[in-house]
C-alpha atoms as a PDB file:
ATOM      1  CA  MET A   1       0.000   0.000   0.000  1.00  0.00           C
ATOM      2  CA  SER A   2       2.879   2.365   0.760  1.00  0.00           C
ATOM      3  CA  VAL A   3       4.205   1.907  -2.795  1.00  0.00           C
ATOM      4  CA  PHE A   4       0.743   2.702  -4.175  1.00  0.00           C
ATOM      5  CA  LEU A   5       0.448   5.857  -2.054  1.00  0.00           C
ATOM      6  CA  THR A   6       3.946   6.953  -3.013  1.00  0.00           C
ATOM      7  CA  SER A   7       3.136   6.573  -6.710  1.00  0.00           C
ATOM      8  CA  ILE A   8      -0.086   8.544  -6.212  1.00  0.00           C
ATOM      9  CA  GLN A   9       1.844  11.325  -4.501  1.00  0.00           C
ATOM     10  CA  SER A  10       4.400  11.314  -7.315  1.00  0.00           C
ATOM     11  CA  ILE A  11       1.814  11.904 -10.027  1.00  0.00           C
ATOM     12  CA  ILE A  12      -0.297  14.477  -8.139  1.00  0.00           C
ATOM     13  CA  PRO A  13       1.937  17.359  -9.354  1.00  0.00           C
ATOM     14  CA  ILE A  14       1.584  15.977 -12.895  1.00  0.00           C
ATOM     15  CA  ILE A  15      -2.211  15.941 -12.608  1.00  0.00           C
ATOM     16  CA  VAL A  16      -2.337  19.446 -11.119  1.00  0.00           C
ATOM     17  CA  ILE A  17      -0.266  20.980 -13.930  1.00  0.00           C
ATOM     18  CA  ILE A  18      -2.299  19.150 -16.605  1.00  0.00           C
ATOM     19  CA  VAL A  19      -5.497  20.463 -15.001  1.00  0.00           C
ATOM     20  CA  LEU A  20      -3.985  23.962 -14.970  1.00  0.00           C
ATOM     21  CA  GLY A  21      -3.330  23.776 -18.713  1.00  0.00           C
ATOM     22  CA  TYR A  22      -6.857  22.447 -19.268  1.00  0.00           C
ATOM     23  CA  ILE A  23      -8.489  25.255 -17.262  1.00  0.00           C
ATOM     24  CA  LEU A  24      -6.431  28.029 -18.850  1.00  0.00           C
ATOM     25  CA  GLN A  25      -7.257  26.736 -22.334  1.00  0.00           C
ATOM     26  CA  THR A  26     -10.991  26.441 -21.638  1.00  0.00           C
ATOM     27  CA  ARG A  27     -11.020  29.981 -20.230  1.00  0.00           C
ATOM     28  CA  GLY A  28      -9.504  31.376 -23.392  1.00  0.00           C
ATOM     29  CA  TRP A  29      -6.102  32.363 -22.047  1.00  0.00           C
ATOM     30  CA  PHE A  30      -4.304  30.792 -25.007  1.00  0.00           C
ATOM     31  CA  ALA A  31      -4.676  31.540 -28.705  1.00  0.00           C
ATOM     32  CA  ASP A  32      -5.401  28.634 -31.040  1.00  0.00           C
ATOM     33  CA  SER A  33      -1.779  28.592 -32.187  1.00  0.00           C
ATOM     34  CA  PHE A  34      -0.335  28.515 -28.671  1.00  0.00           C
ATOM     35  CA  GLY A  35      -0.455  24.727 -28.264  1.00  0.00           C
ATOM     36  CA  GLY A  36       1.456  24.149 -31.492  1.00  0.00           C
ATOM     37  CA  ASN A  37       4.021  26.802 -30.614  1.00  0.00           C
ATOM     38  CA  LEU A  38       4.458  25.308 -27.157  1.00  0.00           C
ATOM     39  CA  SER A  39       4.987  21.869 -28.663  1.00  0.00           C
ATOM     40  CA  ARG A  40       7.703  23.229 -30.968  1.00  0.00           C
ATOM     41  CA  LEU A  41       9.415  24.994 -28.059  1.00  0.00           C
ATOM     42  CA  ILE A  42       9.501  21.766 -26.067  1.00  0.00           C
ATOM     43  CA  MET A  43      10.549  19.468 -28.905  1.00  0.00           C
ATOM     44  CA  ASN A  44      13.095  21.729 -30.598  1.00  0.00           C
ATOM     45  CA  VAL A  45      14.621  23.698 -27.717  1.00  0.00           C
ATOM     46  CA  ALA A  46      13.895  22.634 -24.144  1.00  0.00           C
ATOM     47  CA  LEU A  47      13.931  18.844 -24.542  1.00  0.00           C
ATOM     48  CA  PRO A  48      17.159  18.555 -26.585  1.00  0.00           C
ATOM     49  CA  VAL A  49      18.877  20.795 -24.032  1.00  0.00           C
ATOM     50  CA  SER A  50      17.466  18.779 -21.123  1.00  0.00           C
ATOM     51  CA  ILE A  51      18.706  15.525 -22.638  1.00  0.00           C
ATOM     52  CA  PHE A  52      22.129  17.028 -23.361  1.00  0.00           C
ATOM     53  CA  VAL A  53      22.545  18.179 -19.762  1.00  0.00           C
ATOM     54  CA  SER A  54      21.243  14.942 -18.261  1.00  0.00           C
ATOM     55  CA  VAL A  55      23.456  12.692 -20.386  1.00  0.00           C
ATOM     56  CA  LEU A  56      26.585  14.576 -19.344  1.00  0.00           C
ATOM     57  CA  LYS A  57      25.450  14.600 -15.726  1.00  0.00           C
ATOM     58  CA  TYR A  58      24.379  10.979 -15.291  1.00  0.00           C
ATOM     59  CA  LEU A  59      26.259   8.984 -17.946  1.00  0.00           C
ATOM     60  CA  THR A  60      29.825   7.752 -18.228  1.00  0.00           C
ATOM     61  CA  VAL A  61      31.429   5.914 -21.136  1.00  0.00           C
ATOM     62  CA  ASP A  62      31.307   2.626 -19.215  1.00  0.00           C
ATOM     63  CA  LYS A  63      27.656   3.093 -18.315  1.00  0.00           C
ATOM     64  CA  LEU A  64      26.850   3.978 -21.926  1.00  0.00           C
ATOM     65  CA  VAL A  65      28.215   0.626 -23.091  1.00  0.00           C
ATOM     66  CA  GLN A  66      26.138  -1.138 -20.450  1.00  0.00           C
ATOM     67  CA  LEU A  67      22.966   0.724 -21.461  1.00  0.00           C
ATOM     68  CA  SER A  68      23.256  -0.136 -25.161  1.00  0.00           C
ATOM     69  CA  GLY A  69      22.131  -3.676 -24.378  1.00  0.00           C
ATOM     70  CA  GLY A  70      18.763  -2.282 -23.285  1.00  0.00           C
ATOM     71  CA  LEU A  71      17.907  -1.610 -26.928  1.00  0.00           C
ATOM     72  CA  LEU A  72      17.701  -5.364 -27.526  1.00  0.00           C
ATOM     73  CA  TYR A  73      14.939  -5.670 -24.929  1.00  0.00           C
ATOM     74  CA  THR A  74      12.947  -2.648 -26.065  1.00  0.00           C
ATOM     75  CA  PHE A  75      13.111  -3.533 -29.763  1.00  0.00           C
ATOM     76  CA  GLY A  76      12.225  -7.135 -28.938  1.00  0.00           C
ATOM     77  CA  ALA A  77       9.177  -6.037 -26.946  1.00  0.00           C
ATOM     78  CA  PHE A  78       8.073  -3.663 -29.718  1.00  0.00           C
ATOM     79  CA  ILE A  79       8.298  -6.390 -32.363  1.00  0.00           C
ATOM     80  CA  LEU A  80       6.228  -8.777 -30.245  1.00  0.00           C
ATOM     81  CA  THR A  81       3.630  -6.082 -29.559  1.00  0.00           C
ATOM     82  CA  TYR A  82       3.376  -5.291 -33.276  1.00  0.00           C
ATOM     83  CA  LEU A  83       2.619  -8.969 -33.942  1.00  0.00           C
ATOM     84  CA  PHE A  84      -0.151  -9.003 -31.328  1.00  0.00           C
ATOM     85  CA  ALA A  85      -1.517  -5.701 -32.663  1.00  0.00           C
ATOM     86  CA  PHE A  86      -1.812  -6.978 -36.238  1.00  0.00           C
ATOM     87  CA  LEU A  87      -3.447 -10.138 -34.879  1.00  0.00           C
ATOM     88  CA  ALA A  88      -5.967  -8.066 -32.887  1.00  0.00           C
ATOM     89  CA  VAL A  89      -6.903  -6.055 -35.980  1.00  0.00           C
ATOM     90  CA  LYS A  90      -7.711  -9.293 -37.823  1.00  0.00           C
ATOM     91  CA  LEU A  91      -9.351 -11.042 -34.879  1.00  0.00           C
ATOM     92  CA  PHE A  92     -11.698  -8.167 -33.999  1.00  0.00           C
ATOM     93  CA  ARG A  93     -12.314  -7.194 -37.639  1.00  0.00           C
ATOM     94  CA  VAL A  94     -11.391  -3.567 -37.127  1.00  0.00           C
ATOM     95  CA  ARG A  95     -12.676  -1.430 -39.964  1.00  0.00           C
ATOM     96  CA  PRO A  96     -10.398   0.583 -42.277  1.00  0.00           C
ATOM     97  CA  GLY A  97      -9.367   3.975 -40.943  1.00  0.00           C
ATOM     98  CA  ARG A  98      -9.036   2.643 -37.394  1.00  0.00           C
ATOM     99  CA  ARG A  99      -6.538  -0.144 -37.937  1.00  0.00           C
ATOM    100  CA  ALA A 100      -3.386   1.971 -37.940  1.00  0.00           C
ATOM    101  CA  THR A 101      -4.498   3.884 -34.857  1.00  0.00           C
ATOM    102  CA  MET A 102      -5.089   0.619 -33.004  1.00  0.00           C
ATOM    103  CA  ILE A 103      -1.717  -0.817 -34.018  1.00  0.00           C
ATOM    104  CA  ASN A 104       0.137   2.393 -33.144  1.00  0.00           C
ATOM    105  CA  THR A 105      -1.594   2.632 -29.780  1.00  0.00           C
ATOM    106  CA  PHE A 106      -0.689  -0.960 -28.926  1.00  0.00           C
ATOM    107  CA  VAL A 107       2.991  -0.309 -29.635  1.00  0.00           C
ATOM    108  CA  ASN A 108       3.987   3.367 -29.489  1.00  0.00           C
ATOM    109  CA  ALA A 109       3.648   5.530 -26.382  1.00  0.00           C
ATOM    110  CA  ASN A 110       3.585   9.241 -25.608  1.00  0.00           C
ATOM    111  CA  THR A 111       7.116   9.145 -24.245  1.00  0.00           C
ATOM    112  CA  ILE A 112       7.789  12.891 -24.400  1.00  0.00           C
ATOM    113  CA  PHE A 113       4.785  14.791 -23.069  1.00  0.00           C
ATOM    114  CA  ILE A 114       3.706  12.156 -20.519  1.00  0.00           C
ATOM    115  CA  GLY A 115       6.402   9.487 -20.315  1.00  0.00           C
ATOM    116  CA  LEU A 116       9.285  11.821 -19.496  1.00  0.00           C
ATOM    117  CA  PRO A 117       7.603  13.869 -16.729  1.00  0.00           C
ATOM    118  CA  LEU A 118       6.214  10.630 -15.317  1.00  0.00           C
ATOM    119  CA  ASN A 119       9.613   8.962 -15.249  1.00  0.00           C
ATOM    120  CA  VAL A 120      11.238  11.957 -13.556  1.00  0.00           C
ATOM    121  CA  ALA A 121       8.463  12.076 -10.948  1.00  0.00           C
ATOM    122  CA  LEU A 122       8.716   8.361 -10.159  1.00  0.00           C
ATOM    123  CA  PHE A 123      12.428   7.633 -10.471  1.00  0.00           C
ATOM    124  CA  GLY A 124      14.250  10.982 -10.565  1.00  0.00           C
ATOM    125  CA  ASP A 125      16.681  12.384 -13.131  1.00  0.00           C
ATOM    126  CA  GLU A 126      19.059   9.493 -12.446  1.00  0.00           C
ATOM    127  CA  ALA A 127      16.785   7.208 -14.481  1.00  0.00           C
ATOM    128  CA  LEU A 128      16.841   9.478 -17.553  1.00  0.00           C
ATOM    129  CA  PRO A 129      19.505   7.389 -19.362  1.00  0.00           C
ATOM    130  CA  TYR A 130      17.154   4.391 -19.149  1.00  0.00           C
ATOM    131  CA  PHE A 131      14.317   6.539 -20.454  1.00  0.00           C
ATOM    132  CA  LEU A 132      16.475   7.531 -23.443  1.00  0.00           C
ATOM    133  CA  ILE A 133      16.830   3.872 -24.452  1.00  0.00           C
ATOM    134  CA  TYR A 134      13.050   3.521 -24.597  1.00  0.00           C
ATOM    135  CA  TYR A 135      12.690   6.914 -26.294  1.00  0.00           C
ATOM    136  CA  ILE A 136      15.072   5.936 -29.111  1.00  0.00           C
ATOM    137  CA  THR A 137      13.143   2.712 -29.761  1.00  0.00           C
ATOM    138  CA  ASN A 138       9.792   4.500 -29.608  1.00  0.00           C
ATOM    139  CA  THR A 139      10.967   7.242 -31.992  1.00  0.00           C
ATOM    140  CA  ILE A 140      12.266   4.807 -34.608  1.00  0.00           C
ATOM    141  CA  SER A 141       9.096   2.699 -34.362  1.00  0.00           C
ATOM    142  CA  THR A 142       6.771   5.709 -34.608  1.00  0.00           C
ATOM    143  CA  TRP A 143       8.408   7.404 -37.573  1.00  0.00           C
ATOM    144  CA  THR A 144       9.039   4.299 -39.665  1.00  0.00           C
ATOM    145  CA  LEU A 145       6.328   1.628 -39.561  1.00  0.00           C
ATOM    146  CA  GLY A 146       4.008   3.708 -37.379  1.00  0.00           C
ATOM    147  CA  VAL A 147       3.773   6.712 -39.684  1.00  0.00           C
ATOM    148  CA  TYR A 148       3.614   4.469 -42.761  1.00  0.00           C
ATOM    149  CA  LEU A 149       0.560   2.679 -41.374  1.00  0.00           C
ATOM    150  CA  MET A 150      -1.162   5.913 -40.311  1.00  0.00           C
ATOM    151  CA  THR A 151      -0.747   7.648 -43.659  1.00  0.00           C
ATOM    152  CA  SER A 152      -1.889   4.648 -45.717  1.00  0.00           C
ATOM    153  CA  ASP A 153      -4.979   3.589 -43.727  1.00  0.00           C
ATOM    154  CA  SER A 154      -7.962   5.294 -45.364  1.00  0.00           C
ATOM    155  CA  LYS A 155     -11.394   4.985 -43.749  1.00  0.00           C
ATOM    156  CA  ASN A 156     -13.045   4.419 -47.140  1.00  0.00           C
ATOM    157  CA  GLY A 157     -11.095   1.192 -47.473  1.00  0.00           C
ATOM    158  CA  GLU A 158      -9.007   2.333 -50.408  1.00  0.00           C
ATOM    159  CA  LYS A 159      -5.256   1.891 -50.210  1.00  0.00           C
ATOM    160  CA  LYS A 160      -3.992   5.446 -50.099  1.00  0.00           C
ATOM    161  CA  ALA A 161      -0.457   5.971 -51.304  1.00  0.00           C
ATOM    162  CA  ALA A 162       1.761   6.520 -48.303  1.00  0.00           C
ATOM    163  CA  GLN A 163       3.597   9.810 -48.184  1.00  0.00           C
ATOM    164  CA  LYS A 164       7.257   9.882 -49.125  1.00  0.00           C
ATOM    165  CA  PHE A 165       9.270   8.830 -46.115  1.00  0.00           C
ATOM    166  CA  ASN A 166      10.968  11.715 -44.355  1.00  0.00           C
ATOM    167  CA  TRP A 167      14.307  10.586 -42.975  1.00  0.00           C
ATOM    168  CA  LYS A 168      14.500  13.738 -40.851  1.00  0.00           C
ATOM    169  CA  LYS A 169      11.760  12.265 -38.660  1.00  0.00           C
ATOM    170  CA  LEU A 170      14.286   9.670 -37.493  1.00  0.00           C
ATOM    171  CA  LEU A 171      16.509  12.468 -36.200  1.00  0.00           C
ATOM    172  CA  PRO A 172      14.185  14.733 -34.212  1.00  0.00           C
ATOM    173  CA  ALA A 173      15.799  17.481 -32.162  1.00  0.00           C
ATOM    174  CA  PRO A 174      15.691  15.497 -28.874  1.00  0.00           C
ATOM    175  CA  LEU A 175      17.604  12.637 -30.478  1.00  0.00           C
ATOM    176  CA  VAL A 176      20.090  15.119 -31.938  1.00  0.00           C
ATOM    177  CA  GLY A 177      20.572  16.505 -28.428  1.00  0.00           C
ATOM    178  CA  PHE A 178      21.355  12.981 -27.258  1.00  0.00           C
ATOM    179  CA  LEU A 179      23.860  12.385 -30.074  1.00  0.00           C
ATOM    180  CA  VAL A 180      25.626  15.716 -29.474  1.00  0.00           C
ATOM    181  CA  ALA A 181      25.868  14.856 -25.781  1.00  0.00           C
ATOM    182  CA  LEU A 182      27.467  11.530 -26.719  1.00  0.00           C
ATOM    183  CA  VAL A 183      30.131  13.380 -28.710  1.00  0.00           C
ATOM    184  CA  PHE A 184      30.900  15.586 -25.692  1.00  0.00           C
ATOM    185  CA  LEU A 185      30.940  12.515 -23.455  1.00  0.00           C
ATOM    186  CA  LEU A 186      33.162  10.322 -25.624  1.00  0.00           C
ATOM    187  CA  LEU A 187      35.618  13.107 -26.478  1.00  0.00           C
ATOM    188  CA  ARG A 188      35.528  14.444 -22.915  1.00  0.00           C
ATOM    189  CA  ILE A 189      34.786  17.973 -24.102  1.00  0.00           C
ATOM    190  CA  PRO A 190      34.333  20.250 -21.068  1.00  0.00           C
ATOM    191  CA  VAL A 191      31.239  22.456 -20.771  1.00  0.00           C
ATOM    192  CA  PRO A 192      31.881  25.859 -19.114  1.00  0.00           C
ATOM    193  CA  ALA A 193      30.062  26.399 -15.821  1.00  0.00           C
ATOM    194  CA  PHE A 194      28.039  29.362 -17.119  1.00  0.00           C
ATOM    195  CA  ALA A 195      26.919  27.341 -20.160  1.00  0.00           C
ATOM    196  CA  SER A 196      25.973  24.358 -18.018  1.00  0.00           C
ATOM    197  CA  SER A 197      23.944  26.585 -15.685  1.00  0.00           C
ATOM    198  CA  THR A 198      22.141  28.267 -18.592  1.00  0.00           C
ATOM    199  CA  LEU A 199      21.359  24.960 -20.284  1.00  0.00           C
ATOM    200  CA  THR A 200      20.047  23.533 -17.010  1.00  0.00           C
ATOM    201  CA  TYR A 201      17.583  26.416 -16.668  1.00  0.00           C
ATOM    202  CA  ILE A 202      16.339  25.846 -20.230  1.00  0.00           C
ATOM    203  CA  GLY A 203      16.118  22.083 -19.757  1.00  0.00           C
ATOM    204  CA  ASN A 204      14.032  22.508 -16.611  1.00  0.00           C
ATOM    205  CA  LEU A 205      11.230  23.950 -18.773  1.00  0.00           C
ATOM    206  CA  VAL A 206      10.433  20.534 -20.251  1.00  0.00           C
ATOM    207  CA  THR A 207       8.308  18.979 -17.528  1.00  0.00           C
ATOM    208  CA  PRO A 208       5.923  21.861 -16.679  1.00  0.00           C
ATOM    209  CA  LEU A 209       5.475  22.950 -20.303  1.00  0.00           C
ATOM    210  CA  SER A 210       4.854  19.363 -21.466  1.00  0.00           C
ATOM    211  CA  LEU A 211       2.113  18.891 -18.889  1.00  0.00           C
ATOM    212  CA  ILE A 212       0.475  22.229 -19.695  1.00  0.00           C
ATOM    213  CA  TYR A 213       0.513  21.158 -23.351  1.00  0.00           C
ATOM    214  CA  ILE A 214      -1.309  17.918 -22.506  1.00  0.00           C
ATOM    215  CA  GLY A 215      -3.939  19.967 -20.645  1.00  0.00           C
ATOM    216  CA  ILE A 216      -4.393  22.141 -23.734  1.00  0.00           C
ATOM    217  CA  ILE A 217      -4.802  19.064 -25.949  1.00  0.00           C
ATOM    218  CA  LEU A 218      -7.437  17.595 -23.621  1.00  0.00           C
ATOM    219  CA  ALA A 219      -9.328  20.899 -23.546  1.00  0.00           C
ATOM    220  CA  LYS A 220      -9.351  21.138 -27.342  1.00  0.00           C
ATOM    221  CA  ALA A 221     -10.481  17.523 -27.735  1.00  0.00           C
ATOM    222  CA  GLY A 222     -13.271  18.019 -25.208  1.00  0.00           C
ATOM    223  CA  LEU A 223     -13.796  15.497 -22.428  1.00  0.00           C
ATOM    224  CA  GLY A 224     -17.502  15.430 -23.261  1.00  0.00           C
ATOM    225  CA  SER A 225     -16.720  13.738 -26.573  1.00  0.00           C
ATOM    226  CA  ILE A 226     -15.344  10.615 -24.875  1.00  0.00           C
ATOM    227  CA  HIS A 227     -17.170   7.408 -25.778  1.00  0.00           C
ATOM    228  CA  LEU A 228     -16.439   3.678 -25.663  1.00  0.00           C
ATOM    229  CA  ASP A 229     -17.024   1.034 -28.306  1.00  0.00           C
ATOM    230  CA  LYS A 230     -15.479  -2.357 -29.044  1.00  0.00           C
ATOM    231  CA  ASP A 231     -12.524  -0.995 -31.004  1.00  0.00           C
ATOM    232  CA  THR A 232     -11.771   1.604 -28.338  1.00  0.00           C
ATOM    233  CA  VAL A 233     -11.813  -0.959 -25.522  1.00  0.00           C
ATOM    234  CA  VAL A 234      -9.560  -3.376 -27.435  1.00  0.00           C
ATOM    235  CA  THR A 235      -7.145  -0.555 -28.251  1.00  0.00           C
ATOM    236  CA  LEU A 236      -6.955   0.610 -24.629  1.00  0.00           C
ATOM    237  CA  VAL A 237      -6.408  -2.951 -23.399  1.00  0.00           C
ATOM    238  CA  GLY A 238      -3.536  -3.223 -25.863  1.00  0.00           C
ATOM    239  CA  ARG A 239      -1.977  -0.007 -24.574  1.00  0.00           C
ATOM    240  CA  PHE A 240      -2.406  -0.417 -20.843  1.00  0.00           C
ATOM    241  CA  VAL A 241      -2.374  -4.205 -20.413  1.00  0.00           C
ATOM    242  CA  LEU A 242      -0.777  -6.025 -23.332  1.00  0.00           C
ATOM    243  CA  ALA A 243       2.181  -3.685 -23.990  1.00  0.00           C
ATOM    244  CA  PRO A 244       3.427  -3.510 -20.375  1.00  0.00           C
ATOM    245  CA  VAL A 245       2.805  -7.243 -19.841  1.00  0.00           C
ATOM    246  CA  ILE A 246       4.881  -8.129 -22.921  1.00  0.00           C
ATOM    247  CA  MET A 247       7.670  -5.821 -21.761  1.00  0.00           C
ATOM    248  CA  TYR A 248       7.511  -7.227 -18.225  1.00  0.00           C
ATOM    249  CA  LEU A 249       7.613 -10.876 -19.298  1.00  0.00           C
ATOM    250  CA  LEU A 250      10.440 -10.248 -21.760  1.00  0.00           C
ATOM    251  CA  LEU A 251      12.522  -8.573 -19.055  1.00  0.00           C
ATOM    252  CA  VAL A 252      11.711 -11.237 -16.452  1.00  0.00           C
ATOM    253  CA  PHE A 253      12.900 -14.068 -18.694  1.00  0.00           C
ATOM    254  CA  LEU A 254      15.730 -12.346 -20.601  1.00  0.00           C
ATOM    255  CA  GLY A 255      16.708  -9.256 -18.606  1.00  0.00           C
ATOM    256  CA  LYS A 256      17.333 -10.699 -15.163  1.00  0.00           C
ATOM    257  CA  ASN A 257      20.547  -8.697 -14.727  1.00  0.00           C
ATOM    258  CA  LEU A 258      19.015  -5.311 -15.548  1.00  0.00           C
ATOM    259  CA  PRO A 259      19.223  -2.632 -12.833  1.00  0.00           C
ATOM    260  CA  GLY A 260      15.944  -2.192 -10.972  1.00  0.00           C
ATOM    261  CA  GLN A 261      15.361   1.349 -12.238  1.00  0.00           C
ATOM    262  CA  GLU A 262      15.947   0.313 -15.847  1.00  0.00           C
ATOM    263  CA  PHE A 263      13.493  -2.581 -15.482  1.00  0.00           C
ATOM    264  CA  LYS A 264      10.827  -0.322 -13.962  1.00  0.00           C
ATOM    265  CA  THR A 265      11.431   2.480 -16.476  1.00  0.00           C
ATOM    266  CA  PHE A 266      10.850   0.169 -19.449  1.00  0.00           C
ATOM    267  CA  VAL A 267       7.632  -1.257 -17.993  1.00  0.00           C
ATOM    268  CA  VAL A 268       6.222   2.123 -16.912  1.00  0.00           C
ATOM    269  CA  GLN A 269       6.993   3.666 -20.317  1.00  0.00           C
ATOM    270  CA  ALA A 270       5.242   0.717 -21.968  1.00  0.00           C
ATOM    271  CA  ALA A 271       2.113   1.735 -20.019  1.00  0.00           C
ATOM    272  CA  ALA A 272       2.204   5.420 -21.029  1.00  0.00           C
ATOM    273  CA  PRO A 273      -0.752   6.900 -23.009  1.00  0.00           C
ATOM    274  CA  ALA A 274      -1.181   6.924 -26.785  1.00  0.00           C
ATOM    275  CA  LEU A 275       0.813   9.248 -29.043  1.00  0.00           C
ATOM    276  CA  ALA A 276      -0.527  12.806 -29.042  1.00  0.00           C
ATOM    277  CA  VAL A 277       0.135  13.111 -32.808  1.00  0.00           C
ATOM    278  CA  LEU A 278      -2.199  10.260 -33.822  1.00  0.00           C
ATOM    279  CA  PRO A 279      -5.110  12.545 -34.857  1.00  0.00           C
ATOM    280  CA  ILE A 280      -2.741  14.600 -37.025  1.00  0.00           C
ATOM    281  CA  LEU A 281      -1.382  11.490 -38.722  1.00  0.00           C
ATOM    282  CA  ALA A 282      -4.910  10.110 -39.144  1.00  0.00           C
ATOM    283  CA  THR A 283      -5.884  13.311 -40.947  1.00  0.00           C
ATOM    284  CA  GLN A 284      -2.962  12.919 -43.355  1.00  0.00           C
ATOM    285  CA  GLY A 285      -4.008   9.356 -44.150  1.00  0.00           C
ATOM    286  CA  ASP A 286      -7.757  10.118 -44.406  1.00  0.00           C
ATOM    287  CA  GLY A 287      -8.318   7.847 -41.424  1.00  0.00           C
ATOM    288  CA  ASP A 288     -10.893   7.966 -38.636  1.00  0.00           C
ATOM    289  CA  VAL A 289      -9.766  11.173 -36.909  1.00  0.00           C
ATOM    290  CA  GLU A 290     -12.583  11.022 -34.348  1.00  0.00           C
ATOM    291  CA  PHE A 291     -11.469   7.551 -33.272  1.00  0.00           C
ATOM    292  CA  SER A 292      -7.832   8.660 -32.989  1.00  0.00           C
ATOM    293  CA  THR A 293      -8.789  11.720 -30.949  1.00  0.00           C
ATOM    294  CA  ASN A 294     -10.988   9.597 -28.696  1.00  0.00           C
ATOM    295  CA  ILE A 295      -8.136   7.140 -28.063  1.00  0.00           C
ATOM    296  CA  VAL A 296      -5.647   9.893 -27.240  1.00  0.00           C
ATOM    297  CA  THR A 297      -8.100  11.618 -24.896  1.00  0.00           C
ATOM    298  CA  ILE A 298      -9.205   8.497 -23.005  1.00  0.00           C
ATOM    299  CA  SER A 299      -5.701   7.062 -22.679  1.00  0.00           C
ATOM    300  CA  THR A 300      -4.368  10.368 -21.367  1.00  0.00           C
ATOM    301  CA  VAL A 301      -7.106  10.476 -18.724  1.00  0.00           C
ATOM    302  CA  LEU A 302      -6.753   6.783 -17.816  1.00  0.00           C
ATOM    303  CA  PHE A 303      -3.009   6.907 -17.235  1.00  0.00           C
ATOM    304  CA  VAL A 304      -3.689   8.651 -13.917  1.00  0.00           C
ATOM    305  CA  ALA A 305      -5.284   5.437 -12.635  1.00  0.00           C
ATOM    306  CA  VAL A 306      -3.090   2.963 -14.518  1.00  0.00           C
ATOM    307  CA  VAL A 307       0.342   4.198 -13.445  1.00  0.00           C
ATOM    308  CA  PRO A 308      -0.115   3.747  -9.660  1.00  0.00           C
ATOM    309  CA  ILE A 309      -1.338   0.199 -10.307  1.00  0.00           C
ATOM    310  CA  VAL A 310       1.659  -0.602 -12.530  1.00  0.00           C
ATOM    311  CA  VAL A 311       4.148   0.899 -10.067  1.00  0.00           C
ATOM    312  CA  THR A 312       2.546  -0.983  -7.169  1.00  0.00           C
ATOM    313  CA  LEU A 313       2.721  -4.300  -9.038  1.00  0.00           C
ATOM    314  CA  LEU A 314       6.386  -3.665  -9.828  1.00  0.00           C
ATOM    315  CA  GLY A 315       7.025  -3.169  -6.106  1.00  0.00           C
END
């Protein structure tokens, strides 16, 4: 019970800041373009800086070599979850336009706007290197097979030509921040104290701004539009039950020597909500945008209840 209460206390600040963003958006404090601008600020400035600072602070060359093995577990879990997701689409006869959203929700999580603040709240900045392993896997999965499926799944059943693949998506600014930090780490390039202090201030913007952004997204989607049907329930079970269970079992049988925080980070990230960009990608592929929006909204609300349960079960 103490673990459950501790996890509840850890996510209360997250909930409060999300609610703040929701209230401010509903009261008209933010212009329509503010959410998009905030997202760009986080993704292209604050998050890359935060990752850069954290890598240099918490990683060493020896630890980096040790962490690289974690990619085998995360990629293995993602591949298995993809297989179950495709099977679920066939088994439950999901109609065109919803299939890609279901598959993406099974596999790919909202690691940035929810997963990162959640991980920091539960495990501290010391666990950020473990988070980065999951983030790299999630990014590659999302912007390769994930985006291909979303942009070629038309709700009218016709096979829409997928957009030309954009290789830049595989190198988003946060990942670039990680790679630059690796260069500094491997070459032992010193960072001046004033620069380190400045970058730390900028990096500290990530968590509060990310949570305010989620509140804005929920306000724009409208909580009153939430509804459940068979496809929605199956999709949510895939996200909050199947994905973390697959990750957990894989780590139990193959990752027995993993550090406790790395084990817990991978499982908790596997239980994070659906990608916030799914409705945008569904629009590009002429998919069921309402279904995608519904999934993102419900999963973002449900994570508040799911995470304490997952953390408690992990012990």
